[in-house]
């Protein structure tokens, strides 16, 4: 796979959902998490997580192209089903912690 990296930033459409999520929103967020776990297993995901205050989350994605990354982002269940909005940015990793 070509080493193109993209970050997409996720924000809840309904910010109060962070503390008052409906059952439907919760189910969609669970789908979102499974979607990202699948991408991790396929070695497409560099990392994913959210700020502790819930302001936003990020996904670092490896993709063949910007179109491929955009398709992945738009098919994220949380984005596709309207729980979160997302913005994508090309990203170059400059430093990585070695373990």
C-alpha atoms as a PDB file:
ATOM      1  CA  UNK A   1       0.000   0.000   0.000  1.00  0.00           C
ATOM      2  CA  UNK A   2       1.213   3.482  -0.812  1.00  0.00           C
ATOM      3  CA  UNK A   3       2.093   5.412   2.341  1.00  0.00           C
ATOM      4  CA  UNK A   4      -0.354   8.312   2.025  1.00  0.00           C
ATOM      5  CA  UNK A   5      -1.603   9.482   5.380  1.00  0.00           C
ATOM      6  CA  UNK A   6      -4.759  11.424   6.082  1.00  0.00           C
ATOM      7  CA  UNK A   7      -6.282  12.643   9.278  1.00  0.00           C
ATOM      8  CA  UNK A   8      -9.948  13.151   9.652  1.00  0.00           C
ATOM      9  CA  UNK A   9     -11.304  15.157  12.516  1.00  0.00           C
ATOM     10  CA  UNK A  10     -14.680  14.117  13.912  1.00  0.00           C
ATOM     11  CA  UNK A  11     -17.118  16.287  15.839  1.00  0.00           C
ATOM     12  CA  UNK A  12     -20.487  15.303  17.219  1.00  0.00           C
ATOM     13  CA  UNK A  13     -23.381  16.861  15.303  1.00  0.00           C
ATOM     14  CA  UNK A  14     -25.178  17.127  18.639  1.00  0.00           C
ATOM     15  CA  UNK A  15     -22.459  18.069  21.183  1.00  0.00           C
ATOM     16  CA  UNK A  16     -24.716  17.277  24.135  1.00  0.00           C
ATOM     17  CA  UNK A  17     -24.698  13.643  22.954  1.00  0.00           C
ATOM     18  CA  UNK A  18     -21.341  13.308  24.731  1.00  0.00           C
ATOM     19  CA  UNK A  19     -23.293  13.227  28.031  1.00  0.00           C
ATOM     20  CA  UNK A  20     -26.798  12.369  26.804  1.00  0.00           C
ATOM     21  CA  UNK A  21     -26.521   9.904  23.900  1.00  0.00           C
ATOM     22  CA  UNK A  22     -29.689   8.313  22.574  1.00  0.00           C
ATOM     23  CA  UNK A  23     -29.850   4.543  22.127  1.00  0.00           C
ATOM     24  CA  UNK A  24     -29.711   5.048  18.342  1.00  0.00           C
ATOM     25  CA  UNK A  25     -26.637   7.308  18.593  1.00  0.00           C
ATOM     26  CA  UNK A  26     -24.961   4.815  20.915  1.00  0.00           C
ATOM     27  CA  UNK A  27     -25.575   1.965  18.449  1.00  0.00           C
ATOM     28  CA  UNK A  28     -24.117   4.043  15.609  1.00  0.00           C
ATOM     29  CA  UNK A  29     -21.040   4.964  17.664  1.00  0.00           C
ATOM     30  CA  UNK A  30     -20.571   1.244  18.378  1.00  0.00           C
ATOM     31  CA  UNK A  31     -20.679   0.600  14.584  1.00  0.00           C
ATOM     32  CA  UNK A  32     -18.142   3.414  14.134  1.00  0.00           C
ATOM     33  CA  UNK A  33     -15.805   1.756  16.658  1.00  0.00           C
ATOM     34  CA  UNK A  34     -16.120  -1.633  14.916  1.00  0.00           C
ATOM     35  CA  UNK A  35     -15.458   0.033  11.542  1.00  0.00           C
ATOM     36  CA  UNK A  36     -12.232   1.501  12.903  1.00  0.00           C
ATOM     37  CA  UNK A  37     -11.221  -1.789  14.554  1.00  0.00           C
ATOM     38  CA  UNK A  38     -11.639  -3.513  11.194  1.00  0.00           C
ATOM     39  CA  UNK A  39      -9.408  -0.862   9.543  1.00  0.00           C
ATOM     40  CA  UNK A  40      -6.807  -1.422  12.271  1.00  0.00           C
ATOM     41  CA  UNK A  41      -6.828  -5.170  11.588  1.00  0.00           C
ATOM     42  CA  UNK A  42      -6.283  -4.396   7.880  1.00  0.00           C
ATOM     43  CA  UNK A  43      -3.317  -2.149   8.778  1.00  0.00           C
ATOM     44  CA  UNK A  44      -5.081   0.945   7.385  1.00  0.00           C
ATOM     45  CA  UNK A  45      -5.398   2.741  10.699  1.00  0.00           C
ATOM     46  CA  UNK A  46      -2.483   4.488  12.405  1.00  0.00           C
ATOM     47  CA  UNK A  47      -4.465   5.622  15.419  1.00  0.00           C
ATOM     48  CA  UNK A  48      -7.889   6.817  16.483  1.00  0.00           C
ATOM     49  CA  UNK A  49      -9.174   8.513  19.600  1.00  0.00           C
ATOM     50  CA  UNK A  50     -10.869  11.528  21.088  1.00  0.00           C
ATOM     51  CA  UNK A  51     -10.063  14.412  23.348  1.00  0.00           C
ATOM     52  CA  UNK A  52     -10.967  13.770  26.955  1.00  0.00           C
ATOM     53  CA  UNK A  53     -13.317  16.752  26.892  1.00  0.00           C
ATOM     54  CA  UNK A  54     -15.082  15.261  23.850  1.00  0.00           C
ATOM     55  CA  UNK A  55     -14.468  18.345  21.706  1.00  0.00           C
ATOM     56  CA  UNK A  56     -13.251  16.241  18.771  1.00  0.00           C
ATOM     57  CA  UNK A  57     -11.806  12.905  17.742  1.00  0.00           C
ATOM     58  CA  UNK A  58      -9.188  12.054  15.135  1.00  0.00           C
ATOM     59  CA  UNK A  59      -8.495   9.145  12.834  1.00  0.00           C
ATOM     60  CA  UNK A  60      -5.075   8.713  11.212  1.00  0.00           C
ATOM     61  CA  UNK A  61      -5.656   6.673   8.086  1.00  0.00           C
ATOM     62  CA  UNK A  62      -3.305   5.144   5.519  1.00  0.00           C
ATOM     63  CA  UNK A  63      -4.870   5.158   2.063  1.00  0.00           C
ATOM     64  CA  UNK A  64      -3.946   4.669  -1.584  1.00  0.00           C
ATOM     65  CA  UNK A  65      -5.208   8.127  -2.521  1.00  0.00           C
ATOM     66  CA  UNK A  66      -7.198  11.085  -1.281  1.00  0.00           C
ATOM     67  CA  UNK A  67     -10.295   9.651  -2.976  1.00  0.00           C
ATOM     68  CA  UNK A  68      -9.790   6.352  -1.153  1.00  0.00           C
ATOM     69  CA  UNK A  69      -9.395   8.178   2.176  1.00  0.00           C
ATOM     70  CA  UNK A  70     -12.473  10.319   1.508  1.00  0.00           C
ATOM     71  CA  UNK A  71     -14.555   7.219   0.690  1.00  0.00           C
ATOM     72  CA  UNK A  72     -13.382   5.598   3.922  1.00  0.00           C
ATOM     73  CA  UNK A  73     -14.286   8.706   5.937  1.00  0.00           C
ATOM     74  CA  UNK A  74     -17.690   9.133   4.265  1.00  0.00           C
ATOM     75  CA  UNK A  75     -18.499   5.451   4.900  1.00  0.00           C
ATOM     76  CA  UNK A  76     -17.633   5.697   8.579  1.00  0.00           C
ATOM     77  CA  UNK A  77     -21.013   4.821  10.148  1.00  0.00           C
ATOM     78  CA  UNK A  78     -20.906   7.827  12.498  1.00  0.00           C
ATOM     79  CA  UNK A  79     -20.475  10.156   9.509  1.00  0.00           C
ATOM     80  CA  UNK A  80     -22.747   8.300   7.104  1.00  0.00           C
ATOM     81  CA  UNK A  81     -25.578   8.112   9.644  1.00  0.00           C
ATOM     82  CA  UNK A  82     -25.283  11.730  10.780  1.00  0.00           C
ATOM     83  CA  UNK A  83     -24.000  11.377  14.337  1.00  0.00           C
ATOM     84  CA  UNK A  84     -20.663  13.043  13.545  1.00  0.00           C
ATOM     85  CA  UNK A  85     -19.341  15.420  10.923  1.00  0.00           C
ATOM     86  CA  UNK A  86     -15.830  14.990   9.586  1.00  0.00           C
ATOM     87  CA  UNK A  87     -13.116  17.031   7.902  1.00  0.00           C
ATOM     88  CA  UNK A  88     -10.163  15.395   6.185  1.00  0.00           C
ATOM     89  CA  UNK A  89      -6.593  16.639   5.859  1.00  0.00           C
ATOM     90  CA  UNK A  90      -3.531  15.162   4.128  1.00  0.00           C
ATOM     91  CA  UNK A  91      -0.969  14.474   6.831  1.00  0.00           C
ATOM     92  CA  UNK A  92       2.737  13.733   6.932  1.00  0.00           C
ATOM     93  CA  UNK A  93       4.134  11.956   9.960  1.00  0.00           C
ATOM     94  CA  UNK A  94       7.392  13.645  10.987  1.00  0.00           C
ATOM     95  CA  UNK A  95       8.230  11.948  14.284  1.00  0.00           C
ATOM     96  CA  UNK A  96       7.080   8.662  15.806  1.00  0.00           C
ATOM     97  CA  UNK A  97       7.832   7.241  19.226  1.00  0.00           C
ATOM     98  CA  UNK A  98       9.955   4.085  18.996  1.00  0.00           C
ATOM     99  CA  UNK A  99       9.070   1.356  21.477  1.00  0.00           C
END
